[in-house]
């Protein structure tokens, strides 16, 4: 039911509000399936497969250690300040992109080469989204019901696609184009 959101959250560990619950849910699902298979095999064979001996204890400790380590790493990554890049100047132009009902309200943005675009990303949905421009190396997470900012400085003119990387959202229409126009000095 929420497979796309869980997959997105697990692939973005820097957002602990989505990653840690998704990690717990995935671990619980795996434990339920493995426990069910082991119980089925034990009943079918009339023999104990999993004992409280060494093998089971070490496996549980190892899986628990990996899960705790992943959760701590996510929490630490979420507490550090992450940005899409450094900006040497204040934004020269601003824009707002609102994500709501699996769409971006703005399908086109524009700026001139050499400008700094201050972009406000507003997520009005109760699920996470992202704002990605692969060719500019911009990958910004948009937590549920939040506003995130990003500054875009581009030196090369052209048309660049932005989209939401959550599985299925790009196909549902969460895409747009950032057009960077040449300045008179570049022509």
C-alpha atoms as a PDB file:
ATOM      1  CA  UNK A   1       0.000   0.000   0.000  1.00  0.00           C
ATOM      2  CA  UNK A   2       2.769   2.464   0.882  1.00  0.00           C
ATOM      3  CA  UNK A   3       5.516   0.647  -0.988  1.00  0.00           C
ATOM      4  CA  UNK A   4       6.654   3.706  -2.936  1.00  0.00           C
ATOM      5  CA  UNK A   5       6.973   5.833   0.199  1.00  0.00           C
ATOM      6  CA  UNK A   6       8.805   3.067   2.085  1.00  0.00           C
ATOM      7  CA  UNK A   7      11.212   2.555  -0.824  1.00  0.00           C
ATOM      8  CA  UNK A   8      11.824   6.316  -1.031  1.00  0.00           C
ATOM      9  CA  UNK A   9      12.350   6.619   2.724  1.00  0.00           C
ATOM     10  CA  UNK A  10      14.774   3.684   2.791  1.00  0.00           C
ATOM     11  CA  UNK A  11      16.768   5.226  -0.069  1.00  0.00           C
ATOM     12  CA  UNK A  12      17.052   8.598   1.734  1.00  0.00           C
ATOM     13  CA  UNK A  13      18.644   7.870   5.122  1.00  0.00           C
ATOM     14  CA  UNK A  14      19.459  11.554   5.720  1.00  0.00           C
ATOM     15  CA  UNK A  15      15.764  12.096   6.552  1.00  0.00           C
ATOM     16  CA  UNK A  16      15.404  10.262   9.878  1.00  0.00           C
ATOM     17  CA  UNK A  17      11.669  11.089  10.156  1.00  0.00           C
ATOM     18  CA  UNK A  18      11.015   8.835   7.170  1.00  0.00           C
ATOM     19  CA  UNK A  19      13.981   6.464   7.249  1.00  0.00           C
ATOM     20  CA  UNK A  20      13.778   5.155  10.818  1.00  0.00           C
ATOM     21  CA  UNK A  21      10.048   4.217  10.742  1.00  0.00           C
ATOM     22  CA  UNK A  22      10.500   2.647   7.289  1.00  0.00           C
ATOM     23  CA  UNK A  23      13.514   0.704   8.570  1.00  0.00           C
ATOM     24  CA  UNK A  24      11.538  -0.585  11.550  1.00  0.00           C
ATOM     25  CA  UNK A  25       8.595  -1.530   9.327  1.00  0.00           C
ATOM     26  CA  UNK A  26      10.843  -3.347   6.837  1.00  0.00           C
ATOM     27  CA  UNK A  27      12.685  -5.195   9.623  1.00  0.00           C
ATOM     28  CA  UNK A  28       9.388  -6.227  11.233  1.00  0.00           C
ATOM     29  CA  UNK A  29       8.041  -7.492   7.909  1.00  0.00           C
ATOM     30  CA  UNK A  30      11.196  -9.508   7.278  1.00  0.00           C
ATOM     31  CA  UNK A  31      11.096 -10.995  10.801  1.00  0.00           C
ATOM     32  CA  UNK A  32       7.442 -11.960  10.371  1.00  0.00           C
ATOM     33  CA  UNK A  33       8.095 -13.686   7.046  1.00  0.00           C
ATOM     34  CA  UNK A  34      11.242 -15.488   8.281  1.00  0.00           C
ATOM     35  CA  UNK A  35       9.485 -16.531  11.505  1.00  0.00           C
ATOM     36  CA  UNK A  36       6.532 -17.854   9.542  1.00  0.00           C
ATOM     37  CA  UNK A  37       8.742 -19.865   7.190  1.00  0.00           C
ATOM     38  CA  UNK A  38      10.726 -21.335  10.095  1.00  0.00           C
ATOM     39  CA  UNK A  39       7.544 -22.213  12.027  1.00  0.00           C
ATOM     40  CA  UNK A  40       6.087 -23.872   8.919  1.00  0.00           C
ATOM     41  CA  UNK A  41       9.251 -25.908   8.357  1.00  0.00           C
ATOM     42  CA  UNK A  42       9.425 -26.937  12.026  1.00  0.00           C
ATOM     43  CA  UNK A  43       5.817 -28.158  11.991  1.00  0.00           C
ATOM     44  CA  UNK A  44       6.230 -29.905   8.666  1.00  0.00           C
ATOM     45  CA  UNK A  45       9.456 -31.690   9.672  1.00  0.00           C
ATOM     46  CA  UNK A  46       8.456 -32.226  13.304  1.00  0.00           C
ATOM     47  CA  UNK A  47      11.896 -31.039  14.312  1.00  0.00           C
ATOM     48  CA  UNK A  48      13.352 -27.877  15.755  1.00  0.00           C
ATOM     49  CA  UNK A  49      15.209 -25.864  13.129  1.00  0.00           C
ATOM     50  CA  UNK A  50      15.857 -22.738  15.139  1.00  0.00           C
ATOM     51  CA  UNK A  51      17.125 -23.247  18.628  1.00  0.00           C
ATOM     52  CA  UNK A  52      18.064 -20.691  21.212  1.00  0.00           C
ATOM     53  CA  UNK A  53      21.637 -21.830  20.796  1.00  0.00           C
ATOM     54  CA  UNK A  54      24.572 -20.032  19.261  1.00  0.00           C
ATOM     55  CA  UNK A  55      23.473 -19.652  15.664  1.00  0.00           C
ATOM     56  CA  UNK A  56      20.138 -17.956  16.329  1.00  0.00           C
ATOM     57  CA  UNK A  57      21.492 -15.668  19.027  1.00  0.00           C
ATOM     58  CA  UNK A  58      24.363 -14.440  16.884  1.00  0.00           C
ATOM     59  CA  UNK A  59      22.084 -13.837  13.930  1.00  0.00           C
ATOM     60  CA  UNK A  60      19.610 -11.830  16.015  1.00  0.00           C
ATOM     61  CA  UNK A  61      22.455  -9.804  17.558  1.00  0.00           C
ATOM     62  CA  UNK A  62      23.991  -9.097  14.140  1.00  0.00           C
ATOM     63  CA  UNK A  63      20.701  -7.998  12.569  1.00  0.00           C
ATOM     64  CA  UNK A  64      19.891  -5.881  15.622  1.00  0.00           C
ATOM     65  CA  UNK A  65      23.328  -4.248  15.461  1.00  0.00           C
ATOM     66  CA  UNK A  66      22.901  -3.423  11.780  1.00  0.00           C
ATOM     67  CA  UNK A  67      19.449  -1.919  12.390  1.00  0.00           C
ATOM     68  CA  UNK A  68      20.640   0.169  15.344  1.00  0.00           C
ATOM     69  CA  UNK A  69      23.682   1.308  13.369  1.00  0.00           C
ATOM     70  CA  UNK A  70      21.540   2.319  10.393  1.00  0.00           C
ATOM     71  CA  UNK A  71      19.096   4.212  12.613  1.00  0.00           C
ATOM     72  CA  UNK A  72      21.923   6.048  14.407  1.00  0.00           C
ATOM     73  CA  UNK A  73      23.599   6.917  11.123  1.00  0.00           C
ATOM     74  CA  UNK A  74      20.309   8.282   9.779  1.00  0.00           C
ATOM     75  CA  UNK A  75      19.740  10.307  12.922  1.00  0.00           C
ATOM     76  CA  UNK A  76      23.267  11.755  12.774  1.00  0.00           C
ATOM     77  CA  UNK A  77      22.913  12.569   9.074  1.00  0.00           C
ATOM     78  CA  UNK A  78      19.604  14.290   9.772  1.00  0.00           C
ATOM     79  CA  UNK A  79      21.049  16.446  12.554  1.00  0.00           C
ATOM     80  CA  UNK A  80      23.901  17.790  10.456  1.00  0.00           C
ATOM     81  CA  UNK A  81      23.191  20.694   8.194  1.00  0.00           C
ATOM     82  CA  UNK A  82      22.923  19.547   4.610  1.00  0.00           C
ATOM     83  CA  UNK A  83      22.600  21.835   1.641  1.00  0.00           C
ATOM     84  CA  UNK A  84      22.463  21.543  -2.097  1.00  0.00           C
ATOM     85  CA  UNK A  85      25.645  23.561  -2.363  1.00  0.00           C
ATOM     86  CA  UNK A  86      27.273  26.698  -1.145  1.00  0.00           C
ATOM     87  CA  UNK A  87      26.132  30.079  -2.317  1.00  0.00           C
ATOM     88  CA  UNK A  88      28.622  32.912  -2.532  1.00  0.00           C
ATOM     89  CA  UNK A  89      25.960  35.583  -3.045  1.00  0.00           C
ATOM     90  CA  UNK A  90      22.401  36.346  -2.013  1.00  0.00           C
ATOM     91  CA  UNK A  91      19.657  35.153  -4.352  1.00  0.00           C
ATOM     92  CA  UNK A  92      18.979  37.555  -7.206  1.00  0.00           C
ATOM     93  CA  UNK A  93      15.583  36.026  -7.959  1.00  0.00           C
ATOM     94  CA  UNK A  94      13.181  33.821  -6.024  1.00  0.00           C
ATOM     95  CA  UNK A  95      10.441  31.337  -6.826  1.00  0.00           C
ATOM     96  CA  UNK A  96       8.075  29.000  -5.004  1.00  0.00           C
ATOM     97  CA  UNK A  97       7.256  25.416  -5.997  1.00  0.00           C
ATOM     98  CA  UNK A  98       4.379  23.740  -4.148  1.00  0.00           C
ATOM     99  CA  UNK A  99       4.023  19.943  -4.049  1.00  0.00           C
ATOM    100  CA  UNK A 100       0.443  18.881  -3.450  1.00  0.00           C
ATOM    101  CA  UNK A 101      -1.613  15.856  -4.541  1.00  0.00           C
ATOM    102  CA  UNK A 102       1.381  14.324  -6.349  1.00  0.00           C
ATOM    103  CA  UNK A 103       1.914  17.378  -8.560  1.00  0.00           C
ATOM    104  CA  UNK A 104       4.136  20.433  -8.651  1.00  0.00           C
ATOM    105  CA  UNK A 105       2.070  23.587  -9.036  1.00  0.00           C
ATOM    106  CA  UNK A 106       4.786  25.116 -11.209  1.00  0.00           C
ATOM    107  CA  UNK A 107       5.866  23.252 -14.317  1.00  0.00           C
ATOM    108  CA  UNK A 108       8.399  25.840 -15.479  1.00  0.00           C
ATOM    109  CA  UNK A 109      10.989  28.029 -13.803  1.00  0.00           C
ATOM    110  CA  UNK A 110      13.370  30.464 -15.437  1.00  0.00           C
ATOM    111  CA  UNK A 111      16.525  32.337 -14.573  1.00  0.00           C
ATOM    112  CA  UNK A 112      19.513  33.824 -16.354  1.00  0.00           C
ATOM    113  CA  UNK A 113      22.968  32.328 -16.409  1.00  0.00           C
ATOM    114  CA  UNK A 114      25.013  33.653 -13.492  1.00  0.00           C
ATOM    115  CA  UNK A 115      21.969  34.448 -11.354  1.00  0.00           C
ATOM    116  CA  UNK A 116      21.240  32.814  -8.019  1.00  0.00           C
ATOM    117  CA  UNK A 117      17.707  31.403  -7.783  1.00  0.00           C
ATOM    118  CA  UNK A 118      16.374  31.168  -4.228  1.00  0.00           C
ATOM    119  CA  UNK A 119      13.766  28.429  -4.408  1.00  0.00           C
ATOM    120  CA  UNK A 120      11.167  27.758  -1.708  1.00  0.00           C
ATOM    121  CA  UNK A 121       9.915  24.166  -1.887  1.00  0.00           C
ATOM    122  CA  UNK A 122       6.601  23.735  -0.080  1.00  0.00           C
ATOM    123  CA  UNK A 123       5.277  20.218   0.540  1.00  0.00           C
ATOM    124  CA  UNK A 124       1.603  20.279   1.529  1.00  0.00           C
ATOM    125  CA  UNK A 125       1.214  16.502   1.378  1.00  0.00           C
ATOM    126  CA  UNK A 126       1.418  14.139   4.378  1.00  0.00           C
ATOM    127  CA  UNK A 127       4.031  12.108   2.448  1.00  0.00           C
ATOM    128  CA  UNK A 128       7.602  12.965   1.511  1.00  0.00           C
ATOM    129  CA  UNK A 129       8.627  14.271  -1.900  1.00  0.00           C
ATOM    130  CA  UNK A 130      11.899  15.378  -3.427  1.00  0.00           C
ATOM    131  CA  UNK A 131      13.130  18.027  -5.830  1.00  0.00           C
ATOM    132  CA  UNK A 132      15.825  16.705  -8.145  1.00  0.00           C
ATOM    133  CA  UNK A 133      17.756  18.171 -11.069  1.00  0.00           C
ATOM    134  CA  UNK A 134      20.255  15.470 -11.987  1.00  0.00           C
ATOM    135  CA  UNK A 135      22.325  17.488 -14.464  1.00  0.00           C
ATOM    136  CA  UNK A 136      22.913  20.241 -11.877  1.00  0.00           C
ATOM    137  CA  UNK A 137      23.554  17.813  -9.009  1.00  0.00           C
ATOM    138  CA  UNK A 138      20.580  19.049  -6.983  1.00  0.00           C
ATOM    139  CA  UNK A 139      18.769  16.508  -4.800  1.00  0.00           C
ATOM    140  CA  UNK A 140      16.621  18.045  -2.074  1.00  0.00           C
ATOM    141  CA  UNK A 141      14.322  16.119   0.236  1.00  0.00           C
ATOM    142  CA  UNK A 142      10.910  17.597   0.981  1.00  0.00           C
ATOM    143  CA  UNK A 143       9.629  16.157   4.281  1.00  0.00           C
ATOM    144  CA  UNK A 144       5.849  15.934   4.769  1.00  0.00           C
ATOM    145  CA  UNK A 145       4.050  19.236   5.479  1.00  0.00           C
ATOM    146  CA  UNK A 146       7.194  21.362   5.333  1.00  0.00           C
ATOM    147  CA  UNK A 147       8.988  24.165   3.533  1.00  0.00           C
ATOM    148  CA  UNK A 148      12.556  23.671   2.342  1.00  0.00           C
ATOM    149  CA  UNK A 149      14.839  26.144   0.614  1.00  0.00           C
ATOM    150  CA  UNK A 150      17.518  25.642  -1.996  1.00  0.00           C
ATOM    151  CA  UNK A 151      19.731  28.070  -3.866  1.00  0.00           C
ATOM    152  CA  UNK A 152      20.526  27.284  -7.476  1.00  0.00           C
ATOM    153  CA  UNK A 153      23.517  28.875  -9.162  1.00  0.00           C
ATOM    154  CA  UNK A 154      23.947  27.880 -12.780  1.00  0.00           C
ATOM    155  CA  UNK A 155      26.606  29.019 -15.177  1.00  0.00           C
ATOM    156  CA  UNK A 156      25.512  27.042 -18.248  1.00  0.00           C
ATOM    157  CA  UNK A 157      22.374  27.968 -20.158  1.00  0.00           C
ATOM    158  CA  UNK A 158      19.858  25.353 -21.240  1.00  0.00           C
ATOM    159  CA  UNK A 159      16.701  23.538 -20.195  1.00  0.00           C
ATOM    160  CA  UNK A 160      16.942  21.251 -17.164  1.00  0.00           C
ATOM    161  CA  UNK A 161      14.230  18.857 -16.006  1.00  0.00           C
ATOM    162  CA  UNK A 162      13.278  18.822 -12.335  1.00  0.00           C
ATOM    163  CA  UNK A 163      11.190  16.023 -10.855  1.00  0.00           C
ATOM    164  CA  UNK A 164      10.206  14.121  -7.718  1.00  0.00           C
ATOM    165  CA  UNK A 165      12.254  10.946  -7.215  1.00  0.00           C
ATOM    166  CA  UNK A 166       9.608   9.092  -5.173  1.00  0.00           C
ATOM    167  CA  UNK A 167       8.661   5.966  -7.084  1.00  0.00           C
ATOM    168  CA  UNK A 168       5.727   6.717  -9.397  1.00  0.00           C
ATOM    169  CA  UNK A 169       5.554  10.458  -8.698  1.00  0.00           C
ATOM    170  CA  UNK A 170       7.549  11.454 -11.779  1.00  0.00           C
ATOM    171  CA  UNK A 171       5.253   9.351 -13.953  1.00  0.00           C
ATOM    172  CA  UNK A 172       2.226  10.924 -12.228  1.00  0.00           C
ATOM    173  CA  UNK A 173       3.337  14.362 -13.392  1.00  0.00           C
ATOM    174  CA  UNK A 174       5.676  15.710 -10.732  1.00  0.00           C
ATOM    175  CA  UNK A 175       8.021  17.166 -13.348  1.00  0.00           C
ATOM    176  CA  UNK A 176       8.933  20.573 -14.683  1.00  0.00           C
ATOM    177  CA  UNK A 177      11.602  22.470 -16.578  1.00  0.00           C
ATOM    178  CA  UNK A 178      14.124  24.998 -15.304  1.00  0.00           C
ATOM    179  CA  UNK A 179      15.207  27.207 -18.201  1.00  0.00           C
ATOM    180  CA  UNK A 180      18.488  29.055 -17.829  1.00  0.00           C
ATOM    181  CA  UNK A 181      18.829  31.804 -20.402  1.00  0.00           C
ATOM    182  CA  UNK A 182      22.120  33.131 -21.746  1.00  0.00           C
ATOM    183  CA  UNK A 183      23.165  36.587 -20.694  1.00  0.00           C
ATOM    184  CA  UNK A 184      24.086  39.211 -23.292  1.00  0.00           C
ATOM    185  CA  UNK A 185      27.775  38.738 -22.475  1.00  0.00           C
ATOM    186  CA  UNK A 186      27.574  35.026 -23.343  1.00  0.00           C
ATOM    187  CA  UNK A 187      26.077  35.538 -26.805  1.00  0.00           C
END
